[in-house]
C-alpha atoms as a PDB file:
ATOM      1  CA  MET A   1     118.421 103.043 104.993  1.00  0.00           C
ATOM      2  CA  PRO A   2     119.693 106.557 105.417  1.00  0.00           C
ATOM      3  CA  HIS A   3     118.847 108.068 108.839  1.00  0.00           C
ATOM      4  CA  GLU A   4     118.106 111.665 109.441  1.00  0.00           C
ATOM      5  CA  SER A   5     120.118 113.037 112.295  1.00  0.00           C
ATOM      6  CA  LEU A   6     118.215 115.282 114.775  1.00  0.00           C
ATOM      7  CA  ASN A   7     119.479 117.011 117.882  1.00  0.00           C
ATOM      8  CA  VAL A   8     117.593 116.597 121.245  1.00  0.00           C
ATOM      9  CA  GLU A   9     115.366 119.602 120.828  1.00  0.00           C
ATOM     10  CA  GLU A  10     114.360 118.628 117.328  1.00  0.00           C
ATOM     11  CA  ALA A  11     113.597 115.049 118.388  1.00  0.00           C
ATOM     12  CA  LEU A  12     111.537 116.205 121.433  1.00  0.00           C
ATOM     13  CA  ALA A  13     109.551 118.658 119.262  1.00  0.00           C
ATOM     14  CA  LEU A  14     108.681 115.968 116.626  1.00  0.00           C
ATOM     15  CA  LEU A  15     107.648 113.494 119.315  1.00  0.00           C
ATOM     16  CA  ALA A  16     105.613 116.045 121.028  1.00  0.00           C
ATOM     17  CA  GLU A  17     103.714 117.173 117.795  1.00  0.00           C
ATOM     18  CA  THR A  18     102.761 113.625 116.692  1.00  0.00           C
ATOM     19  CA  PRO A  19      99.664 113.179 118.791  1.00  0.00           C
ATOM     20  CA  PRO A  20      98.098 116.660 118.135  1.00  0.00           C
ATOM     21  CA  ARG A  21      98.821 116.314 114.421  1.00  0.00           C
ATOM     22  CA  ILE A  22      97.138 112.893 114.275  1.00  0.00           C
ATOM     23  CA  ALA A  23      94.256 114.282 116.187  1.00  0.00           C
ATOM     24  CA  ALA A  24      93.876 117.249 113.734  1.00  0.00           C
ATOM     25  CA  ILE A  25      94.212 115.200 110.713  1.00  0.00           C
ATOM     26  CA  THR A  26      91.731 112.555 111.671  1.00  0.00           C
ATOM     27  CA  ALA A  27      89.198 114.799 113.714  1.00  0.00           C
ATOM     28  CA  ARG A  28      86.321 114.883 111.356  1.00  0.00           C
ATOM     29  CA  LEU A  29      86.441 111.236 110.249  1.00  0.00           C
ATOM     30  CA  THR A  30      83.708 108.900 111.183  1.00  0.00           C
ATOM     31  CA  PRO A  31      84.570 105.478 112.881  1.00  0.00           C
ATOM     32  CA  ALA A  32      83.745 103.848 109.485  1.00  0.00           C
ATOM     33  CA  GLN A  33      86.157 106.227 107.570  1.00  0.00           C
ATOM     34  CA  LEU A  34      88.901 105.480 110.161  1.00  0.00           C
ATOM     35  CA  LEU A  35      88.614 101.912 109.156  1.00  0.00           C
ATOM     36  CA  ALA A  36      88.388 102.524 105.362  1.00  0.00           C
ATOM     37  CA  ILE A  37      91.269 101.221 103.328  1.00  0.00           C
ATOM     38  CA  PRO A  38      92.118 103.922 100.753  1.00  0.00           C
ATOM     39  CA  GLY A  39      93.478 101.483  98.119  1.00  0.00           C
ATOM     40  CA  PRO A  40      94.974  98.143  97.434  1.00  0.00           C
ATOM     41  CA  ASP A  41      97.797  97.219  99.709  1.00  0.00           C
ATOM     42  CA  GLU A  42      97.294 100.320 101.805  1.00  0.00           C
ATOM     43  CA  TRP A  43      96.550 100.769 105.403  1.00  0.00           C
ATOM     44  CA  SER A  44      93.463 102.496 107.022  1.00  0.00           C
ATOM     45  CA  ALA A  45      93.952 105.275 109.544  1.00  0.00           C
ATOM     46  CA  ASN A  46      93.307 102.686 112.253  1.00  0.00           C
ATOM     47  CA  ASP A  47      95.958 100.306 110.774  1.00  0.00           C
ATOM     48  CA  THR A  48      98.447 103.257 110.744  1.00  0.00           C
ATOM     49  CA  LEU A  49      97.803 104.073 114.366  1.00  0.00           C
ATOM     50  CA  ALA A  50      98.254 100.422 115.360  1.00  0.00           C
ATOM     51  CA  HIS A  51     101.605 100.494 113.722  1.00  0.00           C
ATOM     52  CA  LEU A  52     102.706 103.626 115.393  1.00  0.00           C
ATOM     53  CA  ARG A  53     101.603 102.187 118.767  1.00  0.00           C
ATOM     54  CA  SER A  54     103.675  98.968 118.109  1.00  0.00           C
ATOM     55  CA  CYS A  55     106.727 101.019 117.150  1.00  0.00           C
ATOM     56  CA  ALA A  56     106.340 103.234 120.247  1.00  0.00           C
ATOM     57  CA  ASP A  57     106.063 100.001 122.503  1.00  0.00           C
ATOM     58  CA  VAL A  58     109.175  98.550 120.997  1.00  0.00           C
ATOM     59  CA  TRP A  59     111.351 101.569 120.740  1.00  0.00           C
ATOM     60  CA  GLY A  60     110.069 103.182 123.918  1.00  0.00           C
ATOM     61  CA  LYS A  61     110.862 100.046 125.877  1.00  0.00           C
ATOM     62  CA  CYS A  62     114.407 100.160 124.351  1.00  0.00           C
ATOM     63  CA  ILE A  63     114.843 103.787 125.373  1.00  0.00           C
ATOM     64  CA  ARG A  64     113.749 102.934 129.027  1.00  0.00           C
ATOM     65  CA  THR A  65     116.072  99.972 129.113  1.00  0.00           C
ATOM     66  CA  LEU A  66     118.992 102.173 128.070  1.00  0.00           C
ATOM     67  CA  LEU A  67     118.140 104.531 130.902  1.00  0.00           C
ATOM     68  CA  ASP A  68     117.729 101.809 133.556  1.00  0.00           C
ATOM     69  CA  GLN A  69     120.701  99.707 132.803  1.00  0.00           C
ATOM     70  CA  ASN A  70     124.396 100.328 132.003  1.00  0.00           C
ATOM     71  CA  ALA A  71     125.355  99.387 128.380  1.00  0.00           C
ATOM     72  CA  PRO A  72     122.708  96.665 128.113  1.00  0.00           C
ATOM     73  CA  ARG A  73     122.578  94.121 125.205  1.00  0.00           C
ATOM     74  CA  LEU A  74     119.132  94.284 123.563  1.00  0.00           C
ATOM     75  CA  ARG A  75     117.665  91.760 121.233  1.00  0.00           C
ATOM     76  CA  ALA A  76     116.225  93.490 118.097  1.00  0.00           C
ATOM     77  CA  VAL A  77     112.406  93.207 118.088  1.00  0.00           C
ATOM     78  CA  SER A  78     110.424  94.066 114.947  1.00  0.00           C
ATOM     79  CA  PRO A  79     107.414  96.326 115.538  1.00  0.00           C
ATOM     80  CA  ARG A  80     105.858  94.374 112.738  1.00  0.00           C
ATOM     81  CA  ALA A  81     106.261  91.234 114.669  1.00  0.00           C
ATOM     82  CA  TRP A  82     105.277  92.826 117.970  1.00  0.00           C
ATOM     83  CA  ILE A  83     101.925  94.135 116.589  1.00  0.00           C
ATOM     84  CA  ARG A  84     100.704  90.516 116.151  1.00  0.00           C
ATOM     85  CA  LYS A  85     100.941  90.187 119.919  1.00  0.00           C
ATOM     86  CA  THR A  86      98.608  93.031 120.452  1.00  0.00           C
ATOM     87  CA  THR A  87      94.980  93.829 119.696  1.00  0.00           C
ATOM     88  CA  TYR A  88      95.831  97.364 118.395  1.00  0.00           C
ATOM     89  CA  ARG A  89      94.357  96.724 114.985  1.00  0.00           C
ATOM     90  CA  GLU A  90      91.073  95.605 116.462  1.00  0.00           C
ATOM     91  CA  GLN A  91      90.663  98.569 118.867  1.00  0.00           C
ATOM     92  CA  GLN A  92      88.443 101.462 118.099  1.00  0.00           C
ATOM     93  CA  PHE A  93      90.502 104.363 116.652  1.00  0.00           C
ATOM     94  CA  ARG A  94      89.616 106.987 119.357  1.00  0.00           C
ATOM     95  CA  ASP A  95      90.267 104.615 122.222  1.00  0.00           C
ATOM     96  CA  SER A  96      93.558 103.435 120.714  1.00  0.00           C
ATOM     97  CA  PHE A  97      94.630 107.038 120.001  1.00  0.00           C
ATOM     98  CA  ARG A  98      94.018 108.011 123.662  1.00  0.00           C
ATOM     99  CA  ALA A  99      96.314 105.144 124.761  1.00  0.00           C
ATOM    100  CA  PHE A 100      98.938 106.265 122.139  1.00  0.00           C
ATOM    101  CA  ALA A 101      98.729 109.882 123.468  1.00  0.00           C
ATOM    102  CA  ALA A 102      99.063 108.829 127.023  1.00  0.00           C
ATOM    103  CA  GLN A 103     102.036 106.623 126.167  1.00  0.00           C
ATOM    104  CA  ARG A 104     103.623 109.498 124.435  1.00  0.00           C
ATOM    105  CA  ALA A 105     102.997 111.874 127.344  1.00  0.00           C
ATOM    106  CA  ASP A 106     104.797 109.508 129.545  1.00  0.00           C
ATOM    107  CA  LEU A 107     107.862 109.026 127.271  1.00  0.00           C
ATOM    108  CA  LEU A 108     108.061 112.818 126.949  1.00  0.00           C
ATOM    109  CA  THR A 109     108.044 113.221 130.682  1.00  0.00           C
ATOM    110  CA  VAL A 110     111.037 110.784 130.855  1.00  0.00           C
ATOM    111  CA  LEU A 111     112.857 112.402 128.033  1.00  0.00           C
ATOM    112  CA  THR A 112     112.463 116.051 128.980  1.00  0.00           C
ATOM    113  CA  SER A 113     113.809 115.342 132.501  1.00  0.00           C
ATOM    114  CA  LEU A 114     117.084 113.780 131.149  1.00  0.00           C
ATOM    115  CA  ALA A 115     120.441 115.334 131.885  1.00  0.00           C
ATOM    116  CA  PRO A 116     122.385 116.002 128.664  1.00  0.00           C
ATOM    117  CA  GLU A 117     124.732 113.152 129.177  1.00  0.00           C
ATOM    118  CA  ALA A 118     121.872 110.664 129.426  1.00  0.00           C
ATOM    119  CA  TRP A 119     121.009 111.058 125.714  1.00  0.00           C
ATOM    120  CA  SER A 120     124.413 109.442 124.931  1.00  0.00           C
ATOM    121  CA  ARG A 121     123.736 106.254 127.025  1.00  0.00           C
ATOM    122  CA  THR A 122     124.354 103.339 124.830  1.00  0.00           C
ATOM    123  CA  ALA A 123     123.269  99.683 124.222  1.00  0.00           C
ATOM    124  CA  THR A 124     124.302  96.995 121.881  1.00  0.00           C
ATOM    125  CA  VAL A 125     121.481  95.723 119.688  1.00  0.00           C
ATOM    126  CA  THR A 126     121.773  92.008 118.536  1.00  0.00           C
ATOM    127  CA  GLY A 127     119.705  90.181 116.044  1.00  0.00           C
ATOM    128  CA  PRO A 128     119.862  89.870 112.309  1.00  0.00           C
ATOM    129  CA  GLY A 129     123.166  91.193 110.927  1.00  0.00           C
ATOM    130  CA  LYS A 130     126.033  92.580 112.944  1.00  0.00           C
ATOM    131  CA  PRO A 131     125.504  93.957 116.462  1.00  0.00           C
ATOM    132  CA  HIS A 132     125.255  97.680 116.479  1.00  0.00           C
ATOM    133  CA  THR A 133     125.392 100.499 119.123  1.00  0.00           C
ATOM    134  CA  VAL A 134     122.475 102.653 119.739  1.00  0.00           C
ATOM    135  CA  THR A 135     121.914 105.671 122.031  1.00  0.00           C
ATOM    136  CA  VAL A 136     118.832 107.109 123.714  1.00  0.00           C
ATOM    137  CA  LEU A 137     118.970 109.928 121.131  1.00  0.00           C
ATOM    138  CA  SER A 138     119.240 107.575 118.154  1.00  0.00           C
ATOM    139  CA  TYR A 139     116.079 105.775 119.338  1.00  0.00           C
ATOM    140  CA  ALA A 140     114.241 109.028 119.874  1.00  0.00           C
ATOM    141  CA  GLU A 141     115.433 110.207 116.403  1.00  0.00           C
ATOM    142  CA  ARG A 142     114.183 106.880 114.990  1.00  0.00           C
ATOM    143  CA  LEU A 143     110.870 107.222 116.460  1.00  0.00           C
ATOM    144  CA  ALA A 144     110.364 110.871 115.429  1.00  0.00           C
ATOM    145  CA  VAL A 145     111.506 110.510 111.986  1.00  0.00           C
ATOM    146  CA  HIS A 146     109.485 107.304 111.388  1.00  0.00           C
ATOM    147  CA  GLU A 147     106.400 109.024 112.771  1.00  0.00           C
ATOM    148  CA  ARG A 148     106.756 111.998 110.579  1.00  0.00           C
ATOM    149  CA  ARG A 149     106.581 109.759 107.527  1.00  0.00           C
ATOM    150  CA  HIS A 150     103.383 108.201 108.853  1.00  0.00           C
ATOM    151  CA  LEU A 151     101.855 111.639 109.503  1.00  0.00           C
ATOM    152  CA  GLU A 152     102.099 112.155 105.734  1.00  0.00           C
ATOM    153  CA  GLN A 153     100.383 108.895 105.399  1.00  0.00           C
ATOM    154  CA  PHE A 154      97.504 109.876 107.598  1.00  0.00           C
ATOM    155  CA  ALA A 155      97.017 112.979 105.479  1.00  0.00           C
ATOM    156  CA  ARG A 156      96.973 110.918 102.193  1.00  0.00           C
ATOM    157  CA  ILE A 157      94.545 108.525 103.691  1.00  0.00           C
ATOM    158  CA  VAL A 158      92.202 111.257 104.847  1.00  0.00           C
ATOM    159  CA  THR A 159      92.273 112.994 101.430  1.00  0.00           C
ATOM    160  CA  VAL A 160      91.475 109.856  99.604  1.00  0.00           C
ATOM    161  CA  ILE A 161      88.672 108.746 101.975  1.00  0.00           C
ATOM    162  CA  ARG A 162      87.116 112.245 101.857  1.00  0.00           C
ATOM    163  CA  GLU A 163      87.215 112.160  98.100  1.00  0.00           C
ATOM    164  CA  SER A 164      85.751 108.674  97.876  1.00  0.00           C
ATOM    165  CA  PRO A 165      82.138 108.573  96.758  1.00  0.00           C
ATOM    166  CA  ARG A 166      81.474 106.071  99.526  1.00  0.00           C
ATOM    167  CA  SER A 167      82.993 108.311 102.170  1.00  0.00           C
ATOM    168  CA  GLU A 168      79.612 109.109 103.667  1.00  0.00           C
ATOM    169  CA  GLU A 169      79.022 105.499 104.519  1.00  0.00           C
END
């Protein structure tokens, strides 16, 4: 999958804007609407947030490991597998969102305090396929670009749910 390349400032800006954008997009939805599935094989707003939290857990932990250890070897962990070990899908959206926003604030505190050279710290990731090298910046980019796609998904979900004849339920 092609990967968009961001610089440090762009990655930080995108990571910082995700929580307020989710809050703005979902602000006027009821708890029932946040759980509504807009169509077959689609996710609700709650499911999408659960997925973002899982990605933030997995990739955020990798970032911290890169910063805490010299050239670590990391075993690849799928956020889709990780989510099955959580209760994120069952949590109420607003509570889950507060936890996501707090986690993001913590990550941004760490990232904004980094010296420029820390963004280049590396790890080797093993798992399916050939081992590959990652950096703090590449994980931050991955998280930011991935979330941007899901912000578009939140907007589509909200549009469909609001236009649904059952949206008032």
